[in-house]
């Protein structure tokens, strides 16, 4: 179950994650990991990042501007 109040991922763990498409670092925003370079958002489900490119969402222009 996805929870809008997802706890932040451990910083050390997050530092090891990269976007599977662009190979650039990810930024956590709520229950998603965002990649500025690819424009993709990956969901965090039950504390587990879903880094499957085909299941990622496009980041809106407004969200891209905040990264």
PDB file of N, CA and C in Angstrom:
ATOM      1  N   UNK A   1       0.840  -1.181   0.000  1.00  0.00           N
ATOM      2  CA  UNK A   1       0.000   0.000   0.000  1.00  0.00           C
ATOM      3  C   UNK A   1       0.877   1.233   0.000  1.00  0.00           C
ATOM      4  N   UNK A   2       0.601   2.183  -0.877  1.00  0.00           N
ATOM      5  CA  UNK A   2       1.355   3.423  -0.949  1.00  0.00           C
ATOM      6  C   UNK A   2       0.797   4.407   0.060  1.00  0.00           C
ATOM      7  N   UNK A   3       1.686   5.045   0.799  1.00  0.00           N
ATOM      8  CA  UNK A   3       1.284   5.986   1.831  1.00  0.00           C
ATOM      9  C   UNK A   3       1.891   7.340   1.511  1.00  0.00           C
ATOM     10  N   UNK A   4       1.044   8.388   1.457  1.00  0.00           N
ATOM     11  CA  UNK A   4       1.514   9.728   1.103  1.00  0.00           C
ATOM     12  C   UNK A   4       2.508  10.265   2.128  1.00  0.00           C
ATOM     13  N   UNK A   5       2.530   9.694   3.333  1.00  0.00           N
ATOM     14  CA  UNK A   5       3.451  10.145   4.362  1.00  0.00           C
ATOM     15  C   UNK A   5       4.626   9.184   4.482  1.00  0.00           C
ATOM     16  N   UNK A   6       5.114   8.722   3.358  1.00  0.00           N
ATOM     17  CA  UNK A   6       6.241   7.790   3.327  1.00  0.00           C
ATOM     18  C   UNK A   6       7.425   8.381   4.087  1.00  0.00           C
ATOM     19  N   UNK A   7       8.035   7.553   4.907  1.00  0.00           N
ATOM     20  CA  UNK A   7       9.224   7.973   5.647  1.00  0.00           C
ATOM     21  C   UNK A   7      10.384   8.141   4.660  1.00  0.00           C
ATOM     22  N   UNK A   8      11.263   9.093   4.935  1.00  0.00           N
ATOM     23  CA  UNK A   8      12.434   9.240   4.058  1.00  0.00           C
ATOM     24  C   UNK A   8      13.269   7.966   4.056  1.00  0.00           C
ATOM     25  N   UNK A   9      13.799   7.651   2.895  1.00  0.00           N
ATOM     26  CA  UNK A   9      14.714   6.516   2.796  1.00  0.00           C
ATOM     27  C   UNK A   9      15.999   6.852   3.540  1.00  0.00           C
ATOM     28  N   UNK A  10      16.682   5.843   4.011  1.00  0.00           N
ATOM     29  CA  UNK A  10      17.967   6.036   4.664  1.00  0.00           C
ATOM     30  C   UNK A  10      18.890   6.770   3.692  1.00  0.00           C
ATOM     31  N   UNK A  11      19.520   7.872   4.119  1.00  0.00           N
ATOM     32  CA  UNK A  11      20.379   8.653   3.204  1.00  0.00           C
ATOM     33  C   UNK A  11      21.487   7.837   2.546  1.00  0.00           C
ATOM     34  N   UNK A  12      22.059   6.895   3.281  1.00  0.00           N
ATOM     35  CA  UNK A  12      23.118   6.061   2.704  1.00  0.00           C
ATOM     36  C   UNK A  12      22.556   5.174   1.597  1.00  0.00           C
ATOM     37  N   UNK A  13      21.371   4.608   1.834  1.00  0.00           N
ATOM     38  CA  UNK A  13      20.708   3.779   0.829  1.00  0.00           C
ATOM     39  C   UNK A  13      20.340   4.622  -0.384  1.00  0.00           C
ATOM     40  N   UNK A  14      19.751   5.795  -0.149  1.00  0.00           N
ATOM     41  CA  UNK A  14      19.354   6.680  -1.244  1.00  0.00           C
ATOM     42  C   UNK A  14      20.558   7.089  -2.089  1.00  0.00           C
ATOM     43  N   UNK A  15      21.698   7.281  -1.460  1.00  0.00           N
ATOM     44  CA  UNK A  15      22.898   7.694  -2.208  1.00  0.00           C
ATOM     45  C   UNK A  15      23.389   6.614  -3.170  1.00  0.00           C
ATOM     46  N   UNK A  16      22.964   5.363  -2.953  1.00  0.00           N
ATOM     47  CA  UNK A  16      23.364   4.266  -3.840  1.00  0.00           C
ATOM     48  C   UNK A  16      22.415   4.097  -5.027  1.00  0.00           C
ATOM     49  N   UNK A  17      21.241   4.710  -4.946  1.00  0.00           N
ATOM     50  CA  UNK A  17      20.244   4.544  -5.999  1.00  0.00           C
ATOM     51  C   UNK A  17      20.461   5.553  -7.116  1.00  0.00           C
ATOM     52  N   UNK A  18      20.284   5.111  -8.344  1.00  0.00           N
ATOM     53  CA  UNK A  18      20.337   5.998  -9.501  1.00  0.00           C
ATOM     54  C   UNK A  18      19.166   5.668 -10.415  1.00  0.00           C
ATOM     55  N   UNK A  19      18.825   6.600 -11.259  1.00  0.00           N
ATOM     56  CA  UNK A  19      17.777   6.379 -12.249  1.00  0.00           C
ATOM     57  C   UNK A  19      18.251   5.284 -13.206  1.00  0.00           C
ATOM     58  N   UNK A  20      17.440   4.255 -13.420  1.00  0.00           N
ATOM     59  CA  UNK A  20      17.863   3.183 -14.318  1.00  0.00           C
ATOM     60  C   UNK A  20      17.941   3.621 -15.781  1.00  0.00           C
ATOM     61  N   UNK A  21      17.347   4.754 -16.117  1.00  0.00           N
ATOM     62  CA  UNK A  21      17.395   5.244 -17.495  1.00  0.00           C
ATOM     63  C   UNK A  21      18.585   6.175 -17.727  1.00  0.00           C
ATOM     64  N   UNK A  22      18.757   7.172 -16.845  1.00  0.00           N
ATOM     65  CA  UNK A  22      19.817   8.166 -17.052  1.00  0.00           C
ATOM     66  C   UNK A  22      21.087   7.868 -16.257  1.00  0.00           C
ATOM     67  N   UNK A  23      20.989   7.006 -15.262  1.00  0.00           N
ATOM     68  CA  UNK A  23      22.102   6.667 -14.369  1.00  0.00           C
ATOM     69  C   UNK A  23      22.534   7.860 -13.524  1.00  0.00           C
ATOM     70  N   UNK A  24      21.604   8.791 -13.280  1.00  0.00           N
ATOM     71  CA  UNK A  24      21.851   9.979 -12.454  1.00  0.00           C
ATOM     72  C   UNK A  24      21.194   9.787 -11.087  1.00  0.00           C
ATOM     73  N   UNK A  25      21.636  10.553 -10.068  1.00  0.00           N
ATOM     74  CA  UNK A  25      21.059  10.425  -8.723  1.00  0.00           C
ATOM     75  C   UNK A  25      19.562  10.751  -8.696  1.00  0.00           C
ATOM     76  N   UNK A  26      18.891  10.188  -7.699  1.00  0.00           N
ATOM     77  CA  UNK A  26      17.464  10.402  -7.501  1.00  0.00           C
ATOM     78  C   UNK A  26      17.238  11.272  -6.268  1.00  0.00           C
ATOM     79  N   UNK A  27      16.130  12.016  -6.276  1.00  0.00           N
ATOM     80  CA  UNK A  27      15.742  12.866  -5.150  1.00  0.00           C
ATOM     81  C   UNK A  27      14.398  12.368  -4.641  1.00  0.00           C
ATOM     82  N   UNK A  28      14.292  12.165  -3.331  1.00  0.00           N
ATOM     83  CA  UNK A  28      13.017  11.694  -2.781  1.00  0.00           C
ATOM     84  C   UNK A  28      12.099  12.874  -2.507  1.00  0.00           C
ATOM     85  N   UNK A  29      10.877  12.769  -2.999  1.00  0.00           N
ATOM     86  CA  UNK A  29       9.803  13.715  -2.712  1.00  0.00           C
ATOM     87  C   UNK A  29       8.576  12.895  -2.328  1.00  0.00           C
ATOM     88  N   UNK A  30       8.288  12.839  -1.045  1.00  0.00           N
ATOM     89  CA  UNK A  30       7.147  12.057  -0.583  1.00  0.00           C
ATOM     90  C   UNK A  30       7.339  10.587  -0.881  1.00  0.00           C
ATOM     91  N   UNK A  31       6.391  10.010  -1.620  1.00  0.00           N
ATOM     92  CA  UNK A  31       6.446   8.572  -1.925  1.00  0.00           C
ATOM     93  C   UNK A  31       6.998   8.299  -3.313  1.00  0.00           C
ATOM     94  N   UNK A  32       7.826   9.229  -3.815  1.00  0.00           N
ATOM     95  CA  UNK A  32       8.416   9.044  -5.139  1.00  0.00           C
ATOM     96  C   UNK A  32       9.881   9.444  -5.141  1.00  0.00           C
ATOM     97  N   UNK A  33      10.636   8.837  -6.059  1.00  0.00           N
ATOM     98  CA  UNK A  33      12.019   9.216  -6.324  1.00  0.00           C
ATOM     99  C   UNK A  33      12.036   9.879  -7.688  1.00  0.00           C
ATOM    100  N   UNK A  34      12.560  11.089  -7.763  1.00  0.00           N
ATOM    101  CA  UNK A  34      12.528  11.871  -8.997  1.00  0.00           C
ATOM    102  C   UNK A  34      13.908  11.988  -9.615  1.00  0.00           C
ATOM    103  N   UNK A  35      13.930  11.975 -10.954  1.00  0.00           N
ATOM    104  CA  UNK A  35      15.169  12.171 -11.708  1.00  0.00           C
ATOM    105  C   UNK A  35      14.981  13.345 -12.649  1.00  0.00           C
ATOM    106  N   UNK A  36      15.757  14.393 -12.429  1.00  0.00           N
ATOM    107  CA  UNK A  36      15.660  15.594 -13.263  1.00  0.00           C
ATOM    108  C   UNK A  36      16.072  15.299 -14.705  1.00  0.00           C
ATOM    109  N   UNK A  37      17.130  14.527 -14.879  1.00  0.00           N
ATOM    110  CA  UNK A  37      17.668  14.294 -16.216  1.00  0.00           C
ATOM    111  C   UNK A  37      16.718  13.494 -17.111  1.00  0.00           C
ATOM    112  N   UNK A  38      16.093  12.461 -16.567  1.00  0.00           N
ATOM    113  CA  UNK A  38      15.194  11.642 -17.390  1.00  0.00           C
ATOM    114  C   UNK A  38      13.754  12.140 -17.345  1.00  0.00           C
ATOM    115  N   UNK A  39      13.439  12.974 -16.338  1.00  0.00           N
ATOM    116  CA  UNK A  39      12.074  13.455 -16.194  1.00  0.00           C
ATOM    117  C   UNK A  39      11.117  12.386 -15.704  1.00  0.00           C
ATOM    118  N   UNK A  40      11.659  11.389 -14.992  1.00  0.00           N
ATOM    119  CA  UNK A  40      10.832  10.272 -14.517  1.00  0.00           C
ATOM    120  C   UNK A  40      10.698  10.305 -12.998  1.00  0.00           C
ATOM    121  N   UNK A  41       9.561   9.770 -12.529  1.00  0.00           N
ATOM    122  CA  UNK A  41       9.297   9.616 -11.104  1.00  0.00           C
ATOM    123  C   UNK A  41       9.015   8.142 -10.841  1.00  0.00           C
ATOM    124  N   UNK A  42       9.706   7.611  -9.854  1.00  0.00           N
ATOM    125  CA  UNK A  42       9.566   6.201  -9.488  1.00  0.00           C
ATOM    126  C   UNK A  42       8.891   6.116  -8.125  1.00  0.00           C
ATOM    127  N   UNK A  43       7.856   5.315  -8.010  1.00  0.00           N
ATOM    128  CA  UNK A  43       7.104   5.161  -6.762  1.00  0.00           C
ATOM    129  C   UNK A  43       7.892   4.369  -5.725  1.00  0.00           C
ATOM    130  N   UNK A  44       7.649   4.721  -4.460  1.00  0.00           N
ATOM    131  CA  UNK A  44       8.137   3.933  -3.328  1.00  0.00           C
ATOM    132  C   UNK A  44       6.901   3.253  -2.758  1.00  0.00           C
ATOM    133  N   UNK A  45       6.879   1.938  -2.791  1.00  0.00           N
ATOM    134  CA  UNK A  45       5.724   1.157  -2.330  1.00  0.00           C
ATOM    135  C   UNK A  45       6.139   0.333  -1.118  1.00  0.00           C
ATOM    136  N   UNK A  46       5.491   0.582   0.006  1.00  0.00           N
ATOM    137  CA  UNK A  46       5.813  -0.127   1.257  1.00  0.00           C
ATOM    138  C   UNK A  46       7.297  -0.025   1.582  1.00  0.00           C
ATOM    139  N   UNK A  47       7.875   1.147   1.342  1.00  0.00           N
ATOM    140  CA  UNK A  47       9.277   1.387   1.662  1.00  0.00           C
ATOM    141  C   UNK A  47      10.265   0.846   0.649  1.00  0.00           C
ATOM    142  N   UNK A  48       9.759   0.289  -0.459  1.00  0.00           N
ATOM    143  CA  UNK A  48      10.631  -0.306  -1.477  1.00  0.00           C
ATOM    144  C   UNK A  48      10.535   0.500  -2.771  1.00  0.00           C
ATOM    145  N   UNK A  49      11.644   1.081  -3.241  1.00  0.00           N
ATOM    146  CA  UNK A  49      11.612   1.815  -4.501  1.00  0.00           C
ATOM    147  C   UNK A  49      11.323   0.892  -5.684  1.00  0.00           C
ATOM    148  N   UNK A  50      10.394   1.291  -6.525  1.00  0.00           N
ATOM    149  CA  UNK A  50      10.072   0.545  -7.748  1.00  0.00           C
ATOM    150  C   UNK A  50      10.797   1.253  -8.893  1.00  0.00           C
ATOM    151  N   UNK A  51      11.953   0.742  -9.277  1.00  0.00           N
ATOM    152  CA  UNK A  51      12.786   1.389 -10.287  1.00  0.00           C
ATOM    153  C   UNK A  51      12.622   0.749 -11.662  1.00  0.00           C
ATOM    154  N   UNK A  52      11.413   0.344 -11.980  1.00  0.00           N
ATOM    155  CA  UNK A  52      11.131  -0.215 -13.300  1.00  0.00           C
ATOM    156  C   UNK A  52      10.732   0.928 -14.231  1.00  0.00           C
ATOM    157  N   UNK A  53      11.541   1.154 -15.258  1.00  0.00           N
ATOM    158  CA  UNK A  53      11.342   2.294 -16.157  1.00  0.00           C
ATOM    159  C   UNK A  53       9.942   2.302 -16.763  1.00  0.00           C
ATOM    160  N   UNK A  54       9.447   1.156 -17.180  1.00  0.00           N
ATOM    161  CA  UNK A  54       8.131   1.091 -17.820  1.00  0.00           C
ATOM    162  C   UNK A  54       6.990   1.447 -16.870  1.00  0.00           C
ATOM    163  N   UNK A  55       7.227   1.413 -15.576  1.00  0.00           N
ATOM    164  CA  UNK A  55       6.195   1.749 -14.593  1.00  0.00           C
ATOM    165  C   UNK A  55       6.375   3.149 -14.020  1.00  0.00           C
ATOM    166  N   UNK A  56       7.410   3.858 -14.444  1.00  0.00           N
ATOM    167  CA  UNK A  56       7.669   5.216 -13.957  1.00  0.00           C
ATOM    168  C   UNK A  56       6.663   6.197 -14.567  1.00  0.00           C
ATOM    169  N   UNK A  57       6.502   7.317 -13.869  1.00  0.00           N
ATOM    170  CA  UNK A  57       5.625   8.391 -14.344  1.00  0.00           C
ATOM    171  C   UNK A  57       6.470   9.539 -14.855  1.00  0.00           C
ATOM    172  N   UNK A  58       5.904  10.338 -15.738  1.00  0.00           N
ATOM    173  CA  UNK A  58       6.581  11.558 -16.189  1.00  0.00           C
ATOM    174  C   UNK A  58       6.444  12.625 -15.103  1.00  0.00           C
ATOM    175  N   UNK A  59       7.502  13.379 -14.868  1.00  0.00           N
ATOM    176  CA  UNK A  59       7.463  14.480 -13.917  1.00  0.00           C
ATOM    177  C   UNK A  59       6.886  15.704 -14.628  1.00  0.00           C
ATOM    178  N   UNK A  60       6.012  16.424 -13.945  1.00  0.00           N
ATOM    179  CA  UNK A  60       5.426  17.634 -14.536  1.00  0.00           C
ATOM    180  C   UNK A  60       6.485  18.719 -14.644  1.00  0.00           C
ATOM    181  N   UNK A  61       6.246  19.682 -15.521  1.00  0.00           N
ATOM    182  CA  UNK A  61       7.167  20.813 -15.660  1.00  0.00           C
ATOM    183  C   UNK A  61       7.327  21.571 -14.346  1.00  0.00           C
ATOM    184  N   UNK A  62       6.234  21.688 -13.588  1.00  0.00           N
ATOM    185  CA  UNK A  62       6.294  22.385 -12.304  1.00  0.00           C
ATOM    186  C   UNK A  62       7.209  21.645 -11.328  1.00  0.00           C
ATOM    187  N   UNK A  63       7.117  20.313 -11.304  1.00  0.00           N
ATOM    188  CA  UNK A  63       7.991  19.530 -10.424  1.00  0.00           C
ATOM    189  C   UNK A  63       9.445  19.611 -10.880  1.00  0.00           C
ATOM    190  N   UNK A  64       9.660  19.569 -12.188  1.00  0.00           N
ATOM    191  CA  UNK A  64      11.030  19.669 -12.720  1.00  0.00           C
ATOM    192  C   UNK A  64      11.683  20.980 -12.298  1.00  0.00           C
ATOM    193  N   UNK A  65      10.912  22.037 -12.259  1.00  0.00           N
ATOM    194  CA  UNK A  65      11.447  23.352 -11.904  1.00  0.00           C
ATOM    195  C   UNK A  65      11.926  23.403 -10.455  1.00  0.00           C
ATOM    196  N   UNK A  66      11.396  22.508  -9.607  1.00  0.00           N
ATOM    197  CA  UNK A  66      11.775  22.524  -8.192  1.00  0.00           C
ATOM    198  C   UNK A  66      12.984  21.640  -7.900  1.00  0.00           C
ATOM    199  N   UNK A  67      13.440  20.870  -8.868  1.00  0.00           N
ATOM    200  CA  UNK A  67      14.583  19.976  -8.627  1.00  0.00           C
ATOM    201  C   UNK A  67      15.904  20.694  -8.782  1.00  0.00           C
TER     202      UNK A  67
END
